[in-house]
């Protein structure tokens, strides 16, 4: 996963799509999928999901990222 001002061809991209500074994640077709929180299935490849404070991103069996807004 990489942080970026906008998505490109990485497997997952975390970026800021708008003026409000909120983060979003896009899965560009990763082999294992990307899950948000406790959703039962992965997000659809190519779909951008806005994130909120406290959201958990699961990018494989062992990696979990928790979104925290500072300030």
N, C-alpha and C. Protein backbone atom coordinates (compact mmCIF):
# COMPACT_ATOMS: atom_id res chain seq x y z
N UNK A 1 0.86 -1.17 0.00
CA UNK A 1 0.00 0.00 0.00
C UNK A 1 0.90 1.22 0.00
N UNK A 2 0.47 2.25 -0.69
CA UNK A 2 1.22 3.49 -0.67
C UNK A 2 0.29 4.66 -0.49
N UNK A 3 0.79 5.72 0.10
CA UNK A 3 0.02 6.96 0.23
C UNK A 3 0.29 7.79 -1.01
N UNK A 4 -0.75 8.39 -1.55
CA UNK A 4 -0.62 9.10 -2.81
C UNK A 4 -1.67 10.20 -2.89
N UNK A 5 -1.40 11.28 -3.64
CA UNK A 5 -2.44 12.29 -3.84
C UNK A 5 -3.60 11.76 -4.68
N UNK A 6 -3.38 10.75 -5.50
CA UNK A 6 -4.46 10.11 -6.27
C UNK A 6 -4.03 8.69 -6.63
N UNK A 7 -4.99 7.80 -6.91
CA UNK A 7 -4.65 6.40 -7.16
C UNK A 7 -3.93 6.20 -8.48
N UNK A 8 -3.12 5.13 -8.53
CA UNK A 8 -2.53 4.71 -9.79
C UNK A 8 -2.63 3.19 -9.87
N UNK A 9 -1.60 2.51 -10.31
CA UNK A 9 -1.70 1.08 -10.57
C UNK A 9 -1.19 0.19 -9.44
N UNK A 10 -0.89 0.72 -8.26
CA UNK A 10 -0.50 -0.13 -7.14
C UNK A 10 -1.67 -1.03 -6.74
N UNK A 11 -1.39 -2.06 -5.96
CA UNK A 11 -2.46 -2.95 -5.54
C UNK A 11 -3.48 -2.24 -4.66
N UNK A 12 -3.04 -1.48 -3.68
CA UNK A 12 -3.92 -0.65 -2.87
C UNK A 12 -3.29 0.73 -2.77
N UNK A 13 -4.13 1.74 -2.81
CA UNK A 13 -3.63 3.10 -2.69
C UNK A 13 -4.49 3.85 -1.68
N UNK A 14 -3.84 4.50 -0.74
CA UNK A 14 -4.50 5.34 0.26
C UNK A 14 -4.24 6.78 -0.15
N UNK A 15 -5.29 7.56 -0.32
CA UNK A 15 -5.09 8.92 -0.81
C UNK A 15 -6.19 9.85 -0.32
N UNK A 16 -6.00 11.15 -0.60
CA UNK A 16 -6.98 12.18 -0.25
C UNK A 16 -7.67 12.66 -1.51
N UNK A 17 -8.92 12.26 -1.73
CA UNK A 17 -9.59 12.61 -2.99
C UNK A 17 -10.20 14.00 -3.03
N UNK A 18 -10.44 14.61 -1.87
CA UNK A 18 -11.17 15.87 -1.89
C UNK A 18 -10.55 16.94 -1.03
N UNK A 19 -11.21 18.07 -1.01
CA UNK A 19 -10.76 19.22 -0.25
C UNK A 19 -10.89 19.04 1.26
N UNK A 20 -11.76 18.14 1.71
CA UNK A 20 -12.01 18.00 3.14
C UNK A 20 -10.89 17.27 3.88
N UNK A 21 -9.91 16.73 3.18
CA UNK A 21 -8.79 16.07 3.81
C UNK A 21 -9.05 14.63 4.24
N UNK A 22 -10.25 14.13 3.97
CA UNK A 22 -10.53 12.73 4.33
C UNK A 22 -9.75 11.79 3.43
N UNK A 23 -9.32 10.68 4.01
CA UNK A 23 -8.62 9.67 3.25
C UNK A 23 -9.60 8.73 2.57
N UNK A 24 -9.13 8.08 1.53
CA UNK A 24 -9.90 7.05 0.83
C UNK A 24 -8.93 5.96 0.42
N UNK A 25 -9.46 4.77 0.18
CA UNK A 25 -8.63 3.65 -0.28
C UNK A 25 -9.25 3.07 -1.53
N UNK A 26 -8.39 2.64 -2.46
CA UNK A 26 -8.81 1.97 -3.68
C UNK A 26 -8.00 0.70 -3.83
N UNK A 27 -8.65 -0.40 -4.17
CA UNK A 27 -7.95 -1.65 -4.47
C UNK A 27 -7.91 -1.78 -5.99
N UNK A 28 -6.70 -1.86 -6.54
CA UNK A 28 -6.53 -1.92 -7.99
C UNK A 28 -6.44 -3.35 -8.50
N UNK A 29 -7.03 -4.30 -7.76
CA UNK A 29 -7.03 -5.69 -8.20
C UNK A 29 -5.99 -6.54 -7.51
N UNK A 30 -5.76 -6.31 -6.22
CA UNK A 30 -4.77 -7.08 -5.48
C UNK A 30 -5.17 -8.56 -5.43
N UNK A 31 -4.20 -9.42 -5.25
CA UNK A 31 -4.44 -10.87 -5.23
C UNK A 31 -5.30 -11.30 -4.05
N UNK A 32 -5.12 -10.67 -2.89
CA UNK A 32 -5.83 -11.09 -1.68
C UNK A 32 -6.98 -10.21 -1.28
N UNK A 33 -7.21 -9.11 -1.99
CA UNK A 33 -8.32 -8.22 -1.67
C UNK A 33 -8.00 -7.25 -0.56
N UNK A 34 -8.89 -6.29 -0.39
CA UNK A 34 -8.79 -5.27 0.65
C UNK A 34 -10.14 -5.20 1.35
N UNK A 35 -10.12 -5.32 2.67
CA UNK A 35 -11.34 -5.26 3.47
C UNK A 35 -11.34 -4.00 4.31
N UNK A 36 -12.54 -3.46 4.56
CA UNK A 36 -12.71 -2.32 5.45
C UNK A 36 -13.53 -2.80 6.65
N UNK A 37 -12.97 -2.59 7.85
CA UNK A 37 -13.67 -2.96 9.08
C UNK A 37 -14.04 -4.44 9.11
N UNK A 38 -15.28 -4.72 9.50
CA UNK A 38 -15.75 -6.09 9.63
C UNK A 38 -16.61 -6.53 8.45
N UNK A 39 -16.52 -5.81 7.32
CA UNK A 39 -17.30 -6.20 6.15
C UNK A 39 -16.99 -7.65 5.78
N UNK A 40 -18.00 -8.41 5.37
CA UNK A 40 -17.78 -9.83 5.10
C UNK A 40 -17.00 -10.12 3.82
N UNK A 41 -16.90 -9.15 2.92
CA UNK A 41 -16.17 -9.38 1.68
C UNK A 41 -15.26 -8.22 1.36
N UNK A 42 -14.32 -8.43 0.43
CA UNK A 42 -13.40 -7.35 0.05
C UNK A 42 -14.12 -6.27 -0.76
N UNK A 43 -13.50 -5.08 -0.80
CA UNK A 43 -14.05 -4.02 -1.63
C UNK A 43 -13.87 -4.41 -3.10
N UNK A 44 -14.74 -3.92 -3.94
CA UNK A 44 -14.68 -4.19 -5.37
C UNK A 44 -13.45 -3.50 -5.96
N UNK A 45 -12.62 -4.23 -6.71
CA UNK A 45 -11.45 -3.59 -7.33
C UNK A 45 -11.88 -2.38 -8.16
N UNK A 46 -11.10 -1.30 -8.01
CA UNK A 46 -11.37 -0.06 -8.73
C UNK A 46 -12.34 0.87 -8.02
N UNK A 47 -13.02 0.38 -6.99
CA UNK A 47 -13.97 1.22 -6.25
C UNK A 47 -13.23 1.99 -5.17
N UNK A 48 -13.51 3.28 -5.05
CA UNK A 48 -12.91 4.12 -4.03
C UNK A 48 -13.82 4.18 -2.82
N UNK A 49 -13.27 3.89 -1.65
CA UNK A 49 -14.02 3.88 -0.40
C UNK A 49 -13.52 5.01 0.49
N UNK A 50 -14.38 5.99 0.83
CA UNK A 50 -13.98 7.03 1.78
C UNK A 50 -13.80 6.42 3.17
N UNK A 51 -12.85 6.93 3.91
CA UNK A 51 -12.54 6.40 5.24
C UNK A 51 -12.86 7.43 6.31
N UNK A 52 -13.21 6.92 7.48
CA UNK A 52 -13.50 7.77 8.64
C UNK A 52 -12.54 7.42 9.76
N UNK A 53 -12.44 8.31 10.73
CA UNK A 53 -11.60 8.07 11.90
C UNK A 53 -12.00 6.74 12.54
N UNK A 54 -11.02 5.88 12.77
CA UNK A 54 -11.27 4.59 13.41
C UNK A 54 -11.49 3.44 12.44
N UNK A 55 -11.66 3.73 11.15
CA UNK A 55 -11.81 2.63 10.18
C UNK A 55 -10.55 1.78 10.16
N UNK A 56 -10.75 0.47 9.96
CA UNK A 56 -9.64 -0.47 9.87
C UNK A 56 -9.58 -1.00 8.44
N UNK A 57 -8.38 -0.94 7.85
CA UNK A 57 -8.15 -1.46 6.51
C UNK A 57 -7.34 -2.74 6.66
N UNK A 58 -7.83 -3.82 6.09
CA UNK A 58 -7.13 -5.11 6.10
C UNK A 58 -6.66 -5.38 4.68
N UNK A 59 -5.32 -5.51 4.49
CA UNK A 59 -4.79 -5.68 3.14
C UNK A 59 -4.23 -7.07 2.88
N UNK A 60 -4.14 -7.90 3.87
CA UNK A 60 -3.81 -9.31 3.72
C UNK A 60 -4.11 -9.98 5.04
N UNK A 61 -3.66 -11.18 5.23
CA UNK A 61 -3.98 -11.91 6.46
C UNK A 61 -3.36 -11.29 7.71
N UNK A 62 -2.29 -10.53 7.55
CA UNK A 62 -1.55 -10.06 8.72
C UNK A 62 -1.46 -8.55 8.86
N UNK A 63 -1.91 -7.79 7.88
CA UNK A 63 -1.72 -6.34 7.91
C UNK A 63 -3.05 -5.63 8.15
N UNK A 64 -3.07 -4.82 9.21
CA UNK A 64 -4.25 -4.00 9.51
C UNK A 64 -3.77 -2.58 9.75
N UNK A 65 -4.43 -1.64 9.11
CA UNK A 65 -4.12 -0.21 9.28
C UNK A 65 -5.37 0.44 9.86
N UNK A 66 -5.20 1.19 10.95
CA UNK A 66 -6.30 1.93 11.55
C UNK A 66 -6.14 3.40 11.22
N UNK A 67 -7.20 3.99 10.68
CA UNK A 67 -7.19 5.41 10.30
C UNK A 67 -7.44 6.24 11.54
N UNK A 68 -6.57 7.20 11.80
CA UNK A 68 -6.73 8.13 12.93
C UNK A 68 -6.53 9.54 12.41
N UNK A 69 -7.47 10.41 12.70
CA UNK A 69 -7.34 11.81 12.32
C UNK A 69 -6.71 12.55 13.49
N UNK A 70 -5.63 13.23 13.22
CA UNK A 70 -4.92 14.00 14.25
C UNK A 70 -5.37 15.45 14.20
N UNK A 71 -5.43 16.05 15.35
CA UNK A 71 -5.72 17.48 15.35
C UNK A 71 -6.98 17.88 15.98
